[in-house]
Amino acid sequence: GRVSFLFAADIREEVEFELIGQRANLKSTVLKVAHHGSETSTTQQFLAAVDPAVAVISVGAGNPFGHPSPEVVERLIDRLGEDNVYRTDEDGTIEFITDGERLWMGADS
């Protein structure tokens, strides 16, 4: 199918660069942003390699770590547009349904 997801877990920029250097096929429709949107990941180069249409930041409201990083949020919005960046602390539960060719999305907000 044409729809794909990349769940970046807690990778840091070093791993992002390693994946890019290995010429891994990272292109994905949906990116689950690494490490709750921490400043330690989601580099410009990684975003260019993934080239997502939608990004999701899984993060708790009022977390003590200050996630997501404002710089990461700005980087995502600059690349994808504000309507294509979702945060669980603001948008609540985010659901995706796909048949492999098309993608449907819903959020609490």
N, C-alpha and C. Protein backbone atom coordinates (compact mmCIF):
# COMPACT_ATOMS: atom_id res chain seq x y z
N GLY A 1 0.81 -1.20 0.00
CA GLY A 1 0.00 0.00 0.00
C GLY A 1 0.85 1.25 0.00
N ARG A 2 0.17 2.36 -0.07
CA ARG A 2 0.86 3.65 -0.12
C ARG A 2 1.00 4.29 1.25
N VAL A 3 0.18 3.91 2.20
CA VAL A 3 0.19 4.53 3.52
C VAL A 3 1.17 3.77 4.42
N SER A 4 2.03 4.52 5.09
CA SER A 4 2.98 3.88 6.01
C SER A 4 3.16 4.74 7.26
N PHE A 5 3.61 4.09 8.31
CA PHE A 5 3.81 4.74 9.61
C PHE A 5 5.24 4.48 10.06
N LEU A 6 5.85 5.48 10.68
CA LEU A 6 7.15 5.31 11.31
C LEU A 6 7.02 5.70 12.77
N PHE A 7 7.21 4.72 13.64
CA PHE A 7 7.16 4.94 15.09
C PHE A 7 8.60 5.08 15.56
N ALA A 8 9.03 6.31 15.81
CA ALA A 8 10.44 6.59 16.07
C ALA A 8 10.88 6.30 17.51
N ALA A 9 9.98 5.86 18.35
CA ALA A 9 10.30 5.50 19.75
C ALA A 9 11.08 6.61 20.42
N ASP A 10 12.20 6.27 21.05
CA ASP A 10 13.01 7.26 21.76
C ASP A 10 14.36 7.48 21.09
N ILE A 11 14.43 7.33 19.77
CA ILE A 11 15.72 7.53 19.10
C ILE A 11 16.16 8.98 19.24
N ARG A 12 17.47 9.15 19.27
CA ARG A 12 18.07 10.48 19.36
C ARG A 12 18.67 10.82 18.00
N GLU A 13 19.15 12.05 17.87
CA GLU A 13 19.66 12.49 16.57
C GLU A 13 20.80 11.60 16.06
N GLU A 14 21.61 11.03 16.95
CA GLU A 14 22.69 10.15 16.49
C GLU A 14 22.14 8.96 15.71
N VAL A 15 21.06 8.39 16.20
CA VAL A 15 20.43 7.25 15.52
C VAL A 15 19.76 7.72 14.23
N GLU A 16 19.14 8.89 14.26
CA GLU A 16 18.56 9.44 13.03
C GLU A 16 19.62 9.52 11.94
N PHE A 17 20.79 10.09 12.27
CA PHE A 17 21.87 10.23 11.28
C PHE A 17 22.40 8.87 10.84
N GLU A 18 22.45 7.91 11.76
CA GLU A 18 22.88 6.56 11.39
C GLU A 18 21.91 5.94 10.39
N LEU A 19 20.62 6.08 10.63
CA LEU A 19 19.62 5.54 9.70
C LEU A 19 19.72 6.22 8.33
N ILE A 20 19.89 7.53 8.34
CA ILE A 20 20.03 8.25 7.08
C ILE A 20 21.29 7.77 6.35
N GLY A 21 22.39 7.61 7.10
CA GLY A 21 23.65 7.16 6.52
C GLY A 21 23.58 5.76 5.94
N GLN A 22 22.72 4.92 6.49
CA GLN A 22 22.54 3.56 5.99
C GLN A 22 21.60 3.53 4.79
N ARG A 23 21.13 4.71 4.41
CA ARG A 23 20.19 4.84 3.28
C ARG A 23 18.93 4.00 3.49
N ALA A 24 18.52 3.92 4.75
CA ALA A 24 17.28 3.20 5.07
C ALA A 24 16.11 3.92 4.41
N ASN A 25 15.12 3.17 3.97
CA ASN A 25 13.91 3.76 3.41
C ASN A 25 13.04 4.24 4.56
N LEU A 26 13.12 5.51 4.86
CA LEU A 26 12.41 6.07 6.00
C LEU A 26 11.11 6.76 5.60
N LYS A 27 10.89 6.95 4.31
CA LYS A 27 9.72 7.71 3.86
C LYS A 27 8.45 7.08 4.42
N SER A 28 7.65 7.91 5.09
CA SER A 28 6.43 7.43 5.75
C SER A 28 5.35 8.50 5.71
N THR A 29 4.13 8.06 5.63
CA THR A 29 2.99 8.98 5.62
C THR A 29 2.82 9.65 6.97
N VAL A 30 2.93 8.85 8.04
CA VAL A 30 2.73 9.36 9.40
C VAL A 30 3.99 9.11 10.21
N LEU A 31 4.47 10.16 10.87
CA LEU A 31 5.61 10.04 11.78
C LEU A 31 5.12 10.21 13.19
N LYS A 32 5.35 9.19 14.03
CA LYS A 32 5.16 9.34 15.47
C LYS A 32 6.50 9.89 15.96
N VAL A 33 6.49 11.16 16.34
CA VAL A 33 7.71 11.89 16.66
C VAL A 33 8.44 11.23 17.83
N ALA A 34 9.76 11.19 17.71
CA ALA A 34 10.59 10.53 18.72
C ALA A 34 10.61 11.28 20.04
N HIS A 35 10.72 10.51 21.10
CA HIS A 35 10.97 10.97 22.47
C HIS A 35 10.11 12.16 22.89
N HIS A 36 8.82 12.06 22.61
CA HIS A 36 7.84 13.05 23.08
C HIS A 36 8.12 14.46 22.56
N GLY A 37 8.82 14.55 21.42
CA GLY A 37 9.14 15.86 20.86
C GLY A 37 10.33 16.52 21.51
N SER A 38 11.18 15.73 22.15
CA SER A 38 12.38 16.25 22.81
C SER A 38 13.30 16.92 21.81
N GLU A 39 14.09 17.88 22.30
CA GLU A 39 15.05 18.58 21.45
C GLU A 39 16.19 17.67 20.99
N THR A 40 16.28 16.45 21.50
CA THR A 40 17.37 15.53 21.14
C THR A 40 17.09 14.75 19.86
N SER A 41 15.98 15.03 19.19
CA SER A 41 15.66 14.28 17.98
C SER A 41 14.80 15.13 17.05
N THR A 42 14.36 14.49 15.95
CA THR A 42 13.54 15.13 14.92
C THR A 42 14.31 16.27 14.25
N THR A 43 15.48 15.92 13.73
CA THR A 43 16.32 16.89 13.03
C THR A 43 15.72 17.21 11.65
N GLN A 44 16.17 18.33 11.08
CA GLN A 44 15.73 18.71 9.73
C GLN A 44 16.05 17.58 8.74
N GLN A 45 17.23 17.00 8.87
CA GLN A 45 17.65 15.94 7.94
C GLN A 45 16.75 14.71 8.06
N PHE A 46 16.40 14.36 9.28
CA PHE A 46 15.52 13.21 9.49
C PHE A 46 14.14 13.48 8.91
N LEU A 47 13.62 14.67 9.15
CA LEU A 47 12.32 15.03 8.58
C LEU A 47 12.35 14.99 7.05
N ALA A 48 13.44 15.45 6.47
CA ALA A 48 13.55 15.40 5.01
C ALA A 48 13.56 13.96 4.51
N ALA A 49 14.23 13.06 5.23
CA ALA A 49 14.29 11.65 4.83
C ALA A 49 12.94 10.96 5.00
N VAL A 50 12.23 11.27 6.06
CA VAL A 50 10.93 10.64 6.32
C VAL A 50 9.85 11.27 5.43
N ASP A 51 9.91 12.58 5.28
CA ASP A 51 8.97 13.33 4.46
C ASP A 51 7.51 12.99 4.79
N PRO A 52 7.13 13.10 6.06
CA PRO A 52 5.77 12.71 6.45
C PRO A 52 4.73 13.73 6.00
N ALA A 53 3.51 13.26 5.87
CA ALA A 53 2.38 14.16 5.62
C ALA A 53 1.78 14.62 6.95
N VAL A 54 1.91 13.77 7.97
CA VAL A 54 1.33 14.03 9.29
C VAL A 54 2.35 13.62 10.35
N ALA A 55 2.40 14.40 11.44
CA ALA A 55 3.26 14.06 12.58
C ALA A 55 2.42 14.05 13.85
N VAL A 56 2.71 13.10 14.73
CA VAL A 56 2.02 12.99 16.01
C VAL A 56 3.07 13.01 17.12
N ILE A 57 2.85 13.90 18.09
CA ILE A 57 3.71 13.95 19.27
C ILE A 57 2.89 13.39 20.43
N SER A 58 3.35 12.27 20.98
CA SER A 58 2.70 11.67 22.13
C SER A 58 3.35 12.25 23.38
N VAL A 59 2.57 13.08 24.11
CA VAL A 59 3.15 13.79 25.25
C VAL A 59 2.05 14.09 26.26
N GLY A 60 2.40 13.97 27.52
CA GLY A 60 1.45 14.28 28.59
C GLY A 60 1.37 15.77 28.85
N ALA A 61 0.19 16.25 29.14
CA ALA A 61 0.00 17.68 29.46
C ALA A 61 0.74 18.02 30.74
N GLY A 62 1.43 19.16 30.72
CA GLY A 62 2.10 19.64 31.92
C GLY A 62 3.22 18.75 32.42
N ASN A 63 3.84 17.99 31.53
CA ASN A 63 4.90 17.08 31.96
C ASN A 63 6.10 17.87 32.50
N PRO A 64 6.83 17.31 33.44
CA PRO A 64 7.92 18.04 34.09
C PRO A 64 9.16 18.25 33.21
N PHE A 65 9.18 17.64 32.03
CA PHE A 65 10.35 17.75 31.15
C PHE A 65 10.21 18.87 30.14
N GLY A 66 9.05 19.49 30.07
CA GLY A 66 8.84 20.57 29.11
C GLY A 66 8.68 20.10 27.68
N HIS A 67 8.36 18.82 27.51
CA HIS A 67 8.13 18.29 26.16
C HIS A 67 6.75 18.71 25.67
N PRO A 68 6.60 18.94 24.40
CA PRO A 68 7.62 18.89 23.36
C PRO A 68 8.44 20.18 23.32
N SER A 69 9.61 20.07 22.74
CA SER A 69 10.47 21.23 22.57
C SER A 69 9.81 22.22 21.60
N PRO A 70 9.74 23.50 21.95
CA PRO A 70 9.16 24.48 21.02
C PRO A 70 9.86 24.49 19.67
N GLU A 71 11.16 24.23 19.65
CA GLU A 71 11.90 24.21 18.39
C GLU A 71 11.45 23.04 17.51
N VAL A 72 11.21 21.89 18.12
CA VAL A 72 10.75 20.73 17.35
C VAL A 72 9.36 20.99 16.81
N VAL A 73 8.48 21.54 17.62
CA VAL A 73 7.12 21.86 17.16
C VAL A 73 7.18 22.84 15.99
N GLU A 74 8.00 23.87 16.11
CA GLU A 74 8.13 24.86 15.03
C GLU A 74 8.68 24.21 13.76
N ARG A 75 9.67 23.34 13.92
CA ARG A 75 10.25 22.64 12.77
C ARG A 75 9.19 21.81 12.06
N LEU A 76 8.37 21.11 12.83
CA LEU A 76 7.31 20.29 12.24
C LEU A 76 6.27 21.15 11.54
N ILE A 77 5.85 22.23 12.18
CA ILE A 77 4.84 23.11 11.58
C ILE A 77 5.38 23.75 10.31
N ASP A 78 6.64 24.19 10.34
CA ASP A 78 7.24 24.79 9.14
C ASP A 78 7.23 23.82 7.97
N ARG A 79 7.46 22.54 8.26
CA ARG A 79 7.55 21.55 7.18
C ARG A 79 6.18 21.00 6.76
N LEU A 80 5.29 20.77 7.74
CA LEU A 80 4.03 20.07 7.45
C LEU A 80 2.80 20.96 7.47
N GLY A 81 2.91 22.12 8.08
CA GLY A 81 1.74 22.97 8.28
C GLY A 81 1.08 22.64 9.60
N GLU A 82 0.52 23.65 10.23
CA GLU A 82 -0.06 23.50 11.57
C GLU A 82 -1.16 22.44 11.64
N ASP A 83 -1.94 22.31 10.57
CA ASP A 83 -3.05 21.36 10.57
C ASP A 83 -2.60 19.90 10.48
N ASN A 84 -1.32 19.66 10.25
CA ASN A 84 -0.82 18.30 10.10
C ASN A 84 0.10 17.86 11.23
N VAL A 85 0.14 18.65 12.30
CA VAL A 85 0.94 18.32 13.48
C VAL A 85 -0.01 18.16 14.66
N TYR A 86 -0.02 16.97 15.25
CA TYR A 86 -0.94 16.66 16.35
C TYR A 86 -0.16 16.36 17.61
N ARG A 87 -0.74 16.78 18.73
CA ARG A 87 -0.14 16.56 20.05
C ARG A 87 -1.19 15.96 20.96
N THR A 88 -0.84 14.89 21.64
CA THR A 88 -1.83 14.27 22.52
C THR A 88 -2.18 15.15 23.71
N ASP A 89 -1.27 16.05 24.11
CA ASP A 89 -1.59 16.93 25.24
C ASP A 89 -2.62 17.99 24.87
N GLU A 90 -2.74 18.30 23.58
CA GLU A 90 -3.71 19.30 23.12
C GLU A 90 -4.88 18.68 22.37
N ASP A 91 -4.61 17.60 21.63
CA ASP A 91 -5.63 17.01 20.76
C ASP A 91 -6.26 15.75 21.33
N GLY A 92 -5.74 15.26 22.45
CA GLY A 92 -6.30 14.05 23.05
C GLY A 92 -5.94 12.81 22.24
N THR A 93 -6.83 11.85 22.25
CA THR A 93 -6.60 10.60 21.53
C THR A 93 -6.62 10.86 20.03
N ILE A 94 -5.66 10.29 19.34
CA ILE A 94 -5.54 10.45 17.89
C ILE A 94 -5.60 9.06 17.28
N GLU A 95 -6.53 8.87 16.34
CA GLU A 95 -6.74 7.56 15.72
C GLU A 95 -6.51 7.64 14.22
N PHE A 96 -5.93 6.58 13.68
CA PHE A 96 -5.74 6.46 12.24
C PHE A 96 -6.39 5.17 11.78
N ILE A 97 -7.01 5.23 10.63
CA ILE A 97 -7.56 4.04 9.97
C ILE A 97 -7.06 4.09 8.53
N THR A 98 -6.60 2.95 8.04
CA THR A 98 -6.13 2.91 6.66
C THR A 98 -6.50 1.59 6.01
N ASP A 99 -6.69 1.64 4.72
CA ASP A 99 -6.85 0.43 3.93
C ASP A 99 -5.57 0.16 3.15
N GLY A 100 -4.52 0.89 3.48
CA GLY A 100 -3.24 0.76 2.80
C GLY A 100 -3.07 1.76 1.68
N GLU A 101 -4.18 2.23 1.15
CA GLU A 101 -4.14 3.22 0.07
C GLU A 101 -4.59 4.60 0.55
N ARG A 102 -5.58 4.62 1.44
CA ARG A 102 -6.12 5.88 1.95
C ARG A 102 -5.95 5.91 3.46
N LEU A 103 -5.98 7.14 4.00
CA LEU A 103 -5.78 7.33 5.43
C LEU A 103 -6.89 8.20 5.98
N TRP A 104 -7.50 7.75 7.07
CA TRP A 104 -8.50 8.54 7.78
C TRP A 104 -7.97 8.79 9.17
N MET A 105 -8.25 9.96 9.68
CA MET A 105 -7.72 10.35 10.97
C MET A 105 -8.79 11.01 11.80
N GLY A 106 -8.72 10.80 13.10
CA GLY A 106 -9.63 11.48 14.01
C GLY A 106 -8.91 11.83 15.28
N ALA A 107 -9.32 12.94 15.89
CA ALA A 107 -8.73 13.37 17.17
C ALA A 107 -9.86 13.88 18.04
N ASP A 108 -9.63 13.84 19.35
CA ASP A 108 -10.63 14.34 20.30
C ASP A 108 -10.92 15.82 20.11
N SER A 109 -9.90 16.58 19.70
CA SER A 109 -10.08 18.04 19.59
C SER A 109 -10.91 18.43 18.39
